[in-house]
PDB file of N, CA and C in Angstrom:
ATOM      1  N   MET A   1       0.545  -1.726  -0.459  1.00  0.00           N
ATOM      2  CA  MET A   1      -0.012  -0.057  -0.312  1.00  0.00           C
ATOM      3  C   MET A   1       1.330   1.105   0.246  1.00  0.00           C
ATOM      4  N   ILE A   2       0.043   1.438  -0.013  1.00  0.00           N
ATOM      5  CA  ILE A   2       1.118   3.586  -0.660  1.00  0.00           C
ATOM      6  C   ILE A   2       0.560   4.506   0.838  1.00  0.00           C
ATOM      7  N   PHE A   3       1.866   4.410   1.017  1.00  0.00           N
ATOM      8  CA  PHE A   3       1.968   6.002   2.165  1.00  0.00           C
ATOM      9  C   PHE A   3       1.548   7.135   1.784  1.00  0.00           C
ATOM     10  N   VAL A   4       1.528   8.082   2.380  1.00  0.00           N
ATOM     11  CA  VAL A   4       1.962   9.382   1.777  1.00  0.00           C
ATOM     12  C   VAL A   4       2.008  10.013   3.306  1.00  0.00           C
ATOM     13  N   ILE A   5       3.375  10.251   2.967  1.00  0.00           N
ATOM     14  CA  ILE A   5       4.215  11.399   4.235  1.00  0.00           C
ATOM     15  C   ILE A   5       4.049  12.970   4.017  1.00  0.00           C
ATOM     16  N   LEU A   6       3.034  13.356   5.347  1.00  0.00           N
ATOM     17  CA  LEU A   6       2.783  15.079   4.918  1.00  0.00           C
ATOM     18  C   LEU A   6       3.575  15.476   6.082  1.00  0.00           C
ATOM     19  N   CYS A   7       4.952  16.248   5.878  1.00  0.00           N
ATOM     20  CA  CYS A   7       5.802  17.257   7.100  1.00  0.00           C
ATOM     21  C   CYS A   7       5.758  18.375   6.897  1.00  0.00           C
ATOM     22  N   ARG A   8       5.534  19.782   7.563  1.00  0.00           N
ATOM     23  CA  ARG A   8       5.207  21.282   7.674  1.00  0.00           C
ATOM     24  C   ARG A   8       6.545  21.196   9.064  1.00  0.00           C
ATOM     25  N   ASP A   9       7.837  21.347   7.926  1.00  0.00           N
ATOM     26  CA  ASP A   9       9.061  22.562   8.736  1.00  0.00           C
ATOM     27  C   ASP A   9       8.787  23.675   9.468  1.00  0.00           C
ATOM     28  N   LYS A  10       8.957  23.147  10.445  1.00  0.00           N
ATOM     29  CA  LYS A  10       9.451  24.775  11.936  1.00  0.00           C
ATOM     30  C   LYS A  10       9.451  25.599  11.295  1.00  0.00           C
ATOM     31  N   PRO A  11       8.727  26.977  11.911  1.00  0.00           N
ATOM     32  CA  PRO A  11       8.984  28.401  11.410  1.00  0.00           C
ATOM     33  C   PRO A  11      10.721  28.192  11.669  1.00  0.00           C
ATOM     34  N   GLY A  12      11.068  29.185  10.674  1.00  0.00           N
ATOM     35  CA  GLY A  12      12.727  29.791  10.800  1.00  0.00           C
ATOM     36  C   GLY A  12      13.238  28.465  11.192  1.00  0.00           C
ATOM     37  N   HIS A  13      13.493  27.837  10.323  1.00  0.00           N
ATOM     38  CA  HIS A  13      14.059  26.727  10.800  1.00  0.00           C
ATOM     39  C   HIS A  13      14.858  25.963   8.892  1.00  0.00           C
ATOM     40  N   LEU A  14      15.015  26.969   8.220  1.00  0.00           N
ATOM     41  CA  LEU A  14      14.779  26.698   6.891  1.00  0.00           C
ATOM     42  C   LEU A  14      16.641  26.099   7.029  1.00  0.00           C
ATOM     43  N   GLN A  15      17.616  26.861   7.186  1.00  0.00           N
ATOM     44  CA  GLN A  15      19.091  25.941   7.875  1.00  0.00           C
ATOM     45  C   GLN A  15      18.916  24.925   8.272  1.00  0.00           C
ATOM     46  N   VAL A  16      18.414  24.615   8.920  1.00  0.00           N
ATOM     47  CA  VAL A  16      17.778  22.567   8.685  1.00  0.00           C
ATOM     48  C   VAL A  16      17.275  21.617   9.054  1.00  0.00           C
ATOM     49  N   ARG A  17      17.338  22.368   6.893  1.00  0.00           N
ATOM     50  CA  ARG A  17      16.939  21.488   6.334  1.00  0.00           C
ATOM     51  C   ARG A  17      18.237  21.764   5.180  1.00  0.00           C
ATOM     52  N   MET A  18      18.881  22.709   5.114  1.00  0.00           N
ATOM     53  CA  MET A  18      19.811  22.944   3.678  1.00  0.00           C
ATOM     54  C   MET A  18      20.661  22.011   4.899  1.00  0.00           C
ATOM     55  N   ASP A  19      20.822  22.100   5.911  1.00  0.00           N
ATOM     56  CA  ASP A  19      22.644  21.138   6.475  1.00  0.00           C
ATOM     57  C   ASP A  19      21.978  20.266   6.402  1.00  0.00           C
ATOM     58  N   THR A  20      20.792  19.771   6.483  1.00  0.00           N
ATOM     59  CA  THR A  20      20.370  17.770   6.707  1.00  0.00           C
ATOM     60  C   THR A  20      20.034  17.457   4.854  1.00  0.00           C
ATOM     61  N   ARG A  21      20.068  18.254   4.594  1.00  0.00           N
ATOM     62  CA  ARG A  21      19.350  18.180   3.146  1.00  0.00           C
ATOM     63  C   ARG A  21      20.634  16.814   2.371  1.00  0.00           C
ATOM     64  N   PRO A  22      21.379  16.403   2.352  1.00  0.00           N
ATOM     65  CA  PRO A  22      22.150  15.216   1.941  1.00  0.00           C
ATOM     66  C   PRO A  22      22.306  14.139   2.450  1.00  0.00           C
ATOM     67  N   GLU A  23      22.356  13.924   3.819  1.00  0.00           N
ATOM     68  CA  GLU A  23      22.139  12.970   4.266  1.00  0.00           C
ATOM     69  C   GLU A  23      20.166  12.457   4.313  1.00  0.00           C
ATOM     70  N   HIS A  24      19.475  13.603   4.123  1.00  0.00           N
ATOM     71  CA  HIS A  24      18.626  13.016   3.554  1.00  0.00           C
ATOM     72  C   HIS A  24      18.462  12.899   2.157  1.00  0.00           C
ATOM     73  N   VAL A  25      18.812  12.808   0.783  1.00  0.00           N
ATOM     74  CA  VAL A  25      18.885  13.249  -0.203  1.00  0.00           C
ATOM     75  C   VAL A  25      19.291  11.548  -0.360  1.00  0.00           C
ATOM     76  N   ALA A  26      20.642  11.360   0.529  1.00  0.00           N
ATOM     77  CA  ALA A  26      21.316   9.718   0.967  1.00  0.00           C
ATOM     78  C   ALA A  26      20.144   8.693   1.135  1.00  0.00           C
ATOM     79  N   TYR A  27      19.023   9.334   2.655  1.00  0.00           N
ATOM     80  CA  TYR A  27      18.248   7.959   2.549  1.00  0.00           C
ATOM     81  C   TYR A  27      17.174   8.092   1.546  1.00  0.00           C
ATOM     82  N   LEU A  28      16.608   8.676   0.812  1.00  0.00           N
ATOM     83  CA  LEU A  28      15.195   8.713  -0.033  1.00  0.00           C
ATOM     84  C   LEU A  28      16.113   8.222  -1.075  1.00  0.00           C
ATOM     85  N   ASP A  29      17.531   8.239  -1.437  1.00  0.00           N
ATOM     86  CA  ASP A  29      18.076   6.775  -2.152  1.00  0.00           C
ATOM     87  C   ASP A  29      18.542   5.995  -2.443  1.00  0.00           C
ATOM     88  N   THR A  30      18.020   5.216  -1.623  1.00  0.00           N
ATOM     89  CA  THR A  30      18.134   3.723  -0.541  1.00  0.00           C
ATOM     90  C   THR A  30      16.574   4.050  -0.671  1.00  0.00           C
ATOM     91  N   LEU A  31      15.959   4.410   0.037  1.00  0.00           N
ATOM     92  CA  LEU A  31      14.549   3.839   0.230  1.00  0.00           C
ATOM     93  C   LEU A  31      14.515   3.807  -1.321  1.00  0.00           C
ATOM     94  N   ASN A  32      14.327   4.984  -2.268  1.00  0.00           N
ATOM     95  CA  ASN A  32      14.468   4.202  -4.321  1.00  0.00           C
ATOM     96  C   ASN A  32      15.435   2.631  -4.499  1.00  0.00           C
ATOM     97  N   ALA A  33      16.684   2.495  -3.887  1.00  0.00           N
ATOM     98  CA  ALA A  33      16.814   1.409  -3.840  1.00  0.00           C
ATOM     99  C   ALA A  33      16.498   0.264  -3.694  1.00  0.00           C
ATOM    100  N   GLU A  34      15.757  -0.052  -2.511  1.00  0.00           N
ATOM    101  CA  GLU A  34      15.651  -0.725  -2.145  1.00  0.00           C
ATOM    102  C   GLU A  34      13.334  -1.204  -3.023  1.00  0.00           C
ATOM    103  N   GLY A  35      13.066  -0.417  -3.558  1.00  0.00           N
ATOM    104  CA  GLY A  35      12.043  -0.160  -3.896  1.00  0.00           C
ATOM    105  C   GLY A  35      10.937   0.723  -2.569  1.00  0.00           C
ATOM    106  N   LYS A  36      11.340   1.310  -2.477  1.00  0.00           N
ATOM    107  CA  LYS A  36      10.514   1.301  -0.772  1.00  0.00           C
ATOM    108  C   LYS A  36       9.279   3.314  -1.658  1.00  0.00           C
ATOM    109  N   LEU A  37      10.498   3.670  -1.908  1.00  0.00           N
ATOM    110  CA  LEU A  37       9.798   4.740  -2.092  1.00  0.00           C
ATOM    111  C   LEU A  37      10.017   5.590  -4.038  1.00  0.00           C
ATOM    112  N   LYS A  38       8.166   5.967  -3.900  1.00  0.00           N
ATOM    113  CA  LYS A  38       7.572   5.903  -4.898  1.00  0.00           C
ATOM    114  C   LYS A  38       7.905   7.063  -5.439  1.00  0.00           C
ATOM    115  N   PHE A  39       7.856   8.263  -5.051  1.00  0.00           N
ATOM    116  CA  PHE A  39       7.951  10.112  -5.195  1.00  0.00           C
ATOM    117  C   PHE A  39       8.160  10.645  -3.862  1.00  0.00           C
ATOM    118  N   ALA A  40       8.367  11.818  -4.279  1.00  0.00           N
ATOM    119  CA  ALA A  40       9.470  12.556  -3.007  1.00  0.00           C
ATOM    120  C   ALA A  40       9.621  13.989  -3.495  1.00  0.00           C
ATOM    121  N   GLY A  41       8.736  15.074  -2.911  1.00  0.00           N
ATOM    122  CA  GLY A  41       9.351  16.096  -3.405  1.00  0.00           C
ATOM    123  C   GLY A  41       9.080  17.579  -1.806  1.00  0.00           C
ATOM    124  N   PRO A  42       9.857  18.434  -1.954  1.00  0.00           N
ATOM    125  CA  PRO A  42       9.268  20.263  -0.708  1.00  0.00           C
ATOM    126  C   PRO A  42       8.096  20.127  -1.171  1.00  0.00           C
ATOM    127  N   PHE A  43       7.295  20.977  -0.799  1.00  0.00           N
ATOM    128  CA  PHE A  43       6.318  21.943  -0.410  1.00  0.00           C
ATOM    129  C   PHE A  43       7.326  23.144  -0.053  1.00  0.00           C
ATOM    130  N   LEU A  44       6.877  24.291  -1.355  1.00  0.00           N
ATOM    131  CA  LEU A  44       7.109  26.029  -1.200  1.00  0.00           C
ATOM    132  C   LEU A  44       6.245  26.888  -0.643  1.00  0.00           C
ATOM    133  N   ASP A  45       6.732  27.875  -0.018  1.00  0.00           N
ATOM    134  CA  ASP A  45       6.236  28.782   0.432  1.00  0.00           C
ATOM    135  C   ASP A  45       6.020  30.259  -0.494  1.00  0.00           C
ATOM    136  N   GLU A  46       5.245  31.211  -0.715  1.00  0.00           N
ATOM    137  CA  GLU A  46       5.338  31.706  -1.708  1.00  0.00           C
ATOM    138  C   GLU A  46       6.386  32.508  -2.589  1.00  0.00           C
ATOM    139  N   GLU A  47       7.371  32.333  -1.939  1.00  0.00           N
ATOM    140  CA  GLU A  47       8.859  32.399  -2.546  1.00  0.00           C
ATOM    141  C   GLU A  47       9.679  31.815  -3.387  1.00  0.00           C
ATOM    142  N   GLY A  48       8.912  31.158  -3.287  1.00  0.00           N
ATOM    143  CA  GLY A  48       9.659  29.110  -3.657  1.00  0.00           C
ATOM    144  C   GLY A  48      10.452  28.382  -2.303  1.00  0.00           C
ATOM    145  N   THR A  49      10.706  29.698  -1.215  1.00  0.00           N
ATOM    146  CA  THR A  49      10.951  29.058  -0.492  1.00  0.00           C
ATOM    147  C   THR A  49      10.838  27.262   0.087  1.00  0.00           C
ATOM    148  N   PRO A  50      12.129  26.708   0.705  1.00  0.00           N
ATOM    149  CA  PRO A  50      11.132  24.912   0.898  1.00  0.00           C
ATOM    150  C   PRO A  50      10.667  25.210   2.215  1.00  0.00           C
ATOM    151  N   CYS A  51       9.781  24.520   2.973  1.00  0.00           N
ATOM    152  CA  CYS A  51       8.412  24.905   3.771  1.00  0.00           C
ATOM    153  C   CYS A  51       8.420  23.707   4.273  1.00  0.00           C
ATOM    154  N   GLY A  52       8.233  21.930   3.750  1.00  0.00           N
ATOM    155  CA  GLY A  52       7.919  21.208   3.992  1.00  0.00           C
ATOM    156  C   GLY A  52       8.126  20.592   3.236  1.00  0.00           C
ATOM    157  N   SER A  53       7.750  19.183   2.999  1.00  0.00           N
ATOM    158  CA  SER A  53       8.537  18.273   2.754  1.00  0.00           C
ATOM    159  C   SER A  53       6.402  17.284   1.960  1.00  0.00           C
ATOM    160  N   MET A  54       6.748  15.915   1.218  1.00  0.00           N
ATOM    161  CA  MET A  54       5.805  15.052   0.817  1.00  0.00           C
ATOM    162  C   MET A  54       6.425  13.307  -0.067  1.00  0.00           C
ATOM    163  N   VAL A  55       7.058  12.228   0.922  1.00  0.00           N
ATOM    164  CA  VAL A  55       7.524  11.742   0.610  1.00  0.00           C
ATOM    165  C   VAL A  55       6.758  10.336   0.739  1.00  0.00           C
ATOM    166  N   ALA A  56       5.465  10.079  -0.740  1.00  0.00           N
ATOM    167  CA  ALA A  56       5.300   8.309  -0.525  1.00  0.00           C
ATOM    168  C   ALA A  56       6.145   7.229  -0.732  1.00  0.00           C
ATOM    169  N   VAL A  57       5.224   6.707  -0.275  1.00  0.00           N
ATOM    170  CA  VAL A  57       6.122   5.091   0.199  1.00  0.00           C
ATOM    171  C   VAL A  57       5.022   3.764   0.270  1.00  0.00           C
ATOM    172  N   GLU A  58       6.047   2.567  -0.692  1.00  0.00           N
ATOM    173  CA  GLU A  58       5.623   1.301   0.133  1.00  0.00           C
ATOM    174  C   GLU A  58       4.922   1.526   1.115  1.00  0.00           C
ATOM    175  N   ALA A  59       4.717   1.104   1.338  1.00  0.00           N
ATOM    176  CA  ALA A  59       4.547  -0.035   2.986  1.00  0.00           C
ATOM    177  C   ALA A  59       4.253  -0.734   2.920  1.00  0.00           C
ATOM    178  N   ALA A  60       3.193  -1.972   4.328  1.00  0.00           N
ATOM    179  CA  ALA A  60       2.784  -3.230   4.109  1.00  0.00           C
ATOM    180  C   ALA A  60       1.912  -2.148   4.847  1.00  0.00           C
ATOM    181  N   THR A  61       2.198  -1.696   6.309  1.00  0.00           N
ATOM    182  CA  THR A  61       1.311  -1.326   7.777  1.00  0.00           C
ATOM    183  C   THR A  61       1.868   0.895   7.517  1.00  0.00           C
ATOM    184  N   LYS A  62       0.840   0.702   8.214  1.00  0.00           N
ATOM    185  CA  LYS A  62       1.006   2.306   8.470  1.00  0.00           C
ATOM    186  C   LYS A  62       2.024   2.095   9.663  1.00  0.00           C
ATOM    187  N   ALA A  63       2.026   1.280   9.958  1.00  0.00           N
ATOM    188  CA  ALA A  63       2.895   1.581  11.573  1.00  0.00           C
ATOM    189  C   ALA A  63       5.191   1.473  10.530  1.00  0.00           C
ATOM    190  N   ASP A  64       4.792   0.802   9.527  1.00  0.00           N
ATOM    191  CA  ASP A  64       5.734   0.775   8.733  1.00  0.00           C
ATOM    192  C   ASP A  64       6.470   1.936   7.926  1.00  0.00           C
ATOM    193  N   ALA A  65       5.213   2.837   7.560  1.00  0.00           N
ATOM    194  CA  ALA A  65       6.258   3.779   6.715  1.00  0.00           C
ATOM    195  C   ALA A  65       5.785   4.953   7.972  1.00  0.00           C
ATOM    196  N   GLU A  66       5.777   4.287   9.535  1.00  0.00           N
ATOM    197  CA  GLU A  66       6.404   5.058  10.211  1.00  0.00           C
ATOM    198  C   GLU A  66       7.277   5.644  10.982  1.00  0.00           C
ATOM    199  N   ALA A  67       8.060   4.274  10.639  1.00  0.00           N
ATOM    200  CA  ALA A  67       8.919   3.470  10.937  1.00  0.00           C
ATOM    201  C   ALA A  67      10.036   4.831  10.558  1.00  0.00           C
ATOM    202  N   LEU A  68       9.212   3.957   8.906  1.00  0.00           N
ATOM    203  CA  LEU A  68      10.175   4.394   7.189  1.00  0.00           C
ATOM    204  C   LEU A  68      10.305   6.519   8.024  1.00  0.00           C
ATOM    205  N   ALA A  69       9.067   7.491   8.276  1.00  0.00           N
ATOM    206  CA  ALA A  69       9.016   8.389   8.405  1.00  0.00           C
ATOM    207  C   ALA A  69      10.080   9.095   9.713  1.00  0.00           C
ATOM    208  N   ARG A  70       9.830   8.141  10.895  1.00  0.00           N
ATOM    209  CA  ARG A  70      10.990   8.739  11.751  1.00  0.00           C
ATOM    210  C   ARG A  70      12.367   8.042  11.791  1.00  0.00           C
ATOM    211  N   SER A  71      12.441   7.844  10.821  1.00  0.00           N
ATOM    212  CA  SER A  71      14.335   7.346   9.882  1.00  0.00           C
ATOM    213  C   SER A  71      14.533   8.775   9.636  1.00  0.00           C
ATOM    214  N   ASP A  72      14.366   9.098   8.457  1.00  0.00           N
ATOM    215  CA  ASP A  72      14.809  10.162   7.496  1.00  0.00           C
ATOM    216  C   ASP A  72      15.455  10.858   8.459  1.00  0.00           C
ATOM    217  N   PRO A  73      16.875  11.639   8.139  1.00  0.00           N
ATOM    218  CA  PRO A  73      16.786  12.476   9.339  1.00  0.00           C
ATOM    219  C   PRO A  73      16.328  13.847   8.748  1.00  0.00           C
ATOM    220  N   TYR A  74      16.007  14.392   8.553  1.00  0.00           N
ATOM    221  CA  TYR A  74      15.184  15.097   8.482  1.00  0.00           C
ATOM    222  C   TYR A  74      14.148  15.180  10.075  1.00  0.00           C
ATOM    223  N   ALA A  75      14.203  14.205   9.976  1.00  0.00           N
ATOM    224  CA  ALA A  75      12.700  14.171  11.767  1.00  0.00           C
ATOM    225  C   ALA A  75      13.463  14.433  12.251  1.00  0.00           C
ATOM    226  N   LEU A  76      14.714  12.906  12.136  1.00  0.00           N
ATOM    227  CA  LEU A  76      15.616  13.554  13.645  1.00  0.00           C
ATOM    228  C   LEU A  76      16.978  14.741  13.782  1.00  0.00           C
ATOM    229  N   ALA A  77      16.633  15.219  13.323  1.00  0.00           N
ATOM    230  CA  ALA A  77      17.370  16.375  12.858  1.00  0.00           C
ATOM    231  C   ALA A  77      16.394  18.026  13.682  1.00  0.00           C
ATOM    232  N   GLY A  78      15.445  16.871  13.607  1.00  0.00           N
ATOM    233  CA  GLY A  78      13.879  17.976  14.687  1.00  0.00           C
ATOM    234  C   GLY A  78      13.274  18.835  13.873  1.00  0.00           C
ATOM    235  N   LEU A  79      13.115  19.044  11.798  1.00  0.00           N
ATOM    236  CA  LEU A  79      13.086  19.656  10.743  1.00  0.00           C
ATOM    237  C   LEU A  79      11.184  20.356  11.280  1.00  0.00           C
ATOM    238  N   PHE A  80      10.833  18.757  11.694  1.00  0.00           N
ATOM    239  CA  PHE A  80       9.263  19.251  11.312  1.00  0.00           C
ATOM    240  C   PHE A  80       8.329  19.565  12.453  1.00  0.00           C
ATOM    241  N   GLU A  81       7.215  20.262  12.145  1.00  0.00           N
ATOM    242  CA  GLU A  81       6.840  20.353  13.493  1.00  0.00           C
ATOM    243  C   GLU A  81       4.820  20.006  13.580  1.00  0.00           C
ATOM    244  N   SER A  82       5.216  18.681  12.096  1.00  0.00           N
ATOM    245  CA  SER A  82       3.884  18.409  11.856  1.00  0.00           C
ATOM    246  C   SER A  82       4.373  16.777  11.227  1.00  0.00           C
ATOM    247  N   VAL A  83       4.064  16.090  11.612  1.00  0.00           N
ATOM    248  CA  VAL A  83       4.015  14.824  10.289  1.00  0.00           C
ATOM    249  C   VAL A  83       2.308  14.134  10.403  1.00  0.00           C
ATOM    250  N   GLU A  84       1.915  14.073   9.637  1.00  0.00           N
ATOM    251  CA  GLU A  84       1.083  13.474   8.878  1.00  0.00           C
ATOM    252  C   GLU A  84       1.433  12.037   8.571  1.00  0.00           C
ATOM    253  N   ILE A  85       1.229  10.560   8.181  1.00  0.00           N
ATOM    254  CA  ILE A  85       0.691  10.028   7.325  1.00  0.00           C
ATOM    255  C   ILE A  85       0.115   8.957   7.109  1.00  0.00           C
ATOM    256  N   ARG A  86      -1.416   9.160   5.995  1.00  0.00           N
ATOM    257  CA  ARG A  86      -1.815   8.325   5.425  1.00  0.00           C
ATOM    258  C   ARG A  86      -2.120   7.833   3.642  1.00  0.00           C
ATOM    259  N   PRO A  87      -2.417   6.509   4.416  1.00  0.00           N
ATOM    260  CA  PRO A  87      -2.463   6.123   2.670  1.00  0.00           C
ATOM    261  C   PRO A  87      -3.297   6.140   2.108  1.00  0.00           C
ATOM    262  N   TRP A  88      -2.922   6.158   0.219  1.00  0.00           N
ATOM    263  CA  TRP A  88      -3.172   7.279  -0.497  1.00  0.00           C
ATOM    264  C   TRP A  88      -3.354   5.603  -1.861  1.00  0.00           C
ATOM    265  N   ASN A  89      -4.529   5.707  -2.395  1.00  0.00           N
ATOM    266  CA  ASN A  89      -4.575   4.885  -3.706  1.00  0.00           C
ATOM    267  C   ASN A  89      -4.169   5.605  -4.619  1.00  0.00           C
ATOM    268  N   TRP A  90      -3.127   5.275  -5.189  1.00  0.00           N
ATOM    269  CA  TRP A  90      -2.731   5.999  -6.899  1.00  0.00           C
ATOM    270  C   TRP A  90      -3.927   5.615  -8.436  1.00  0.00           C
ATOM    271  N   VAL A  91      -4.818   6.420  -8.718  1.00  0.00           N
ATOM    272  CA  VAL A  91      -5.353   5.957  -9.655  1.00  0.00           C
ATOM    273  C   VAL A  91      -5.215   6.419 -11.008  1.00  0.00           C
ATOM    274  N   PHE A  92      -5.035   7.613 -10.945  1.00  0.00           N
ATOM    275  CA  PHE A  92      -4.348   8.534 -12.539  1.00  0.00           C
ATOM    276  C   PHE A  92      -2.782   8.438 -12.120  1.00  0.00           C
ATOM    277  N   ASN A  93      -3.373   8.466 -13.642  1.00  0.00           N
ATOM    278  CA  ASN A  93      -1.664   8.350 -14.376  1.00  0.00           C
ATOM    279  C   ASN A  93      -0.393   7.967 -13.708  1.00  0.00           C
ATOM    280  N   LYS A  94      -0.284   6.310 -13.213  1.00  0.00           N
ATOM    281  CA  LYS A  94       0.205   5.834 -12.449  1.00  0.00           C
ATOM    282  C   LYS A  94       1.121   5.245 -13.401  1.00  0.00           C
ATOM    283  N   PRO A  95       2.641   5.550 -12.773  1.00  0.00           N
ATOM    284  CA  PRO A  95       3.504   5.025 -14.127  1.00  0.00           C
ATOM    285  C   PRO A  95       3.413   3.622 -14.736  1.00  0.00           C
ATOM    286  N   GLU A  96       2.878   2.625 -13.454  1.00  0.00           N
ATOM    287  CA  GLU A  96       2.129   1.563 -14.533  1.00  0.00           C
ATOM    288  C   GLU A  96       1.702   0.776 -14.988  1.00  0.00           C
ATOM    289  N   ASN A  97       0.903   2.040 -14.829  1.00  0.00           N
ATOM    290  CA  ASN A  97      -0.641   1.576 -16.523  1.00  0.00           C
ATOM    291  C   ASN A  97      -0.084   2.456 -17.447  1.00  0.00           C
ATOM    292  N   ALA A  98       1.448   3.397 -17.353  1.00  0.00           N
ATOM    293  CA  ALA A  98       1.367   4.163 -18.943  1.00  0.00           C
ATOM    294  C   ALA A  98       2.091   3.538 -19.891  1.00  0.00           C
TER     295      ALA A  98
END
């Protein structure tokens, strides 16, 4: 099942994001190599500055998705003000169906 991890950055924590970005990208590269990452990217504010993240993962259970979210270097660095994890059904433009 696909779970979408929706993260909102703490205000004033852009430097934490930038400092931790290499480890975060390496973590996502690992998930991708393992076939767990579906897609990911930052949310942007009105000025185009990253202010959150959306990461979609393949996981057997919500608990497994929560474990992946907790292991993200951004989460470990305390970047996020909030994290919401929701199951998601990919209906339109699913790559396997293209």
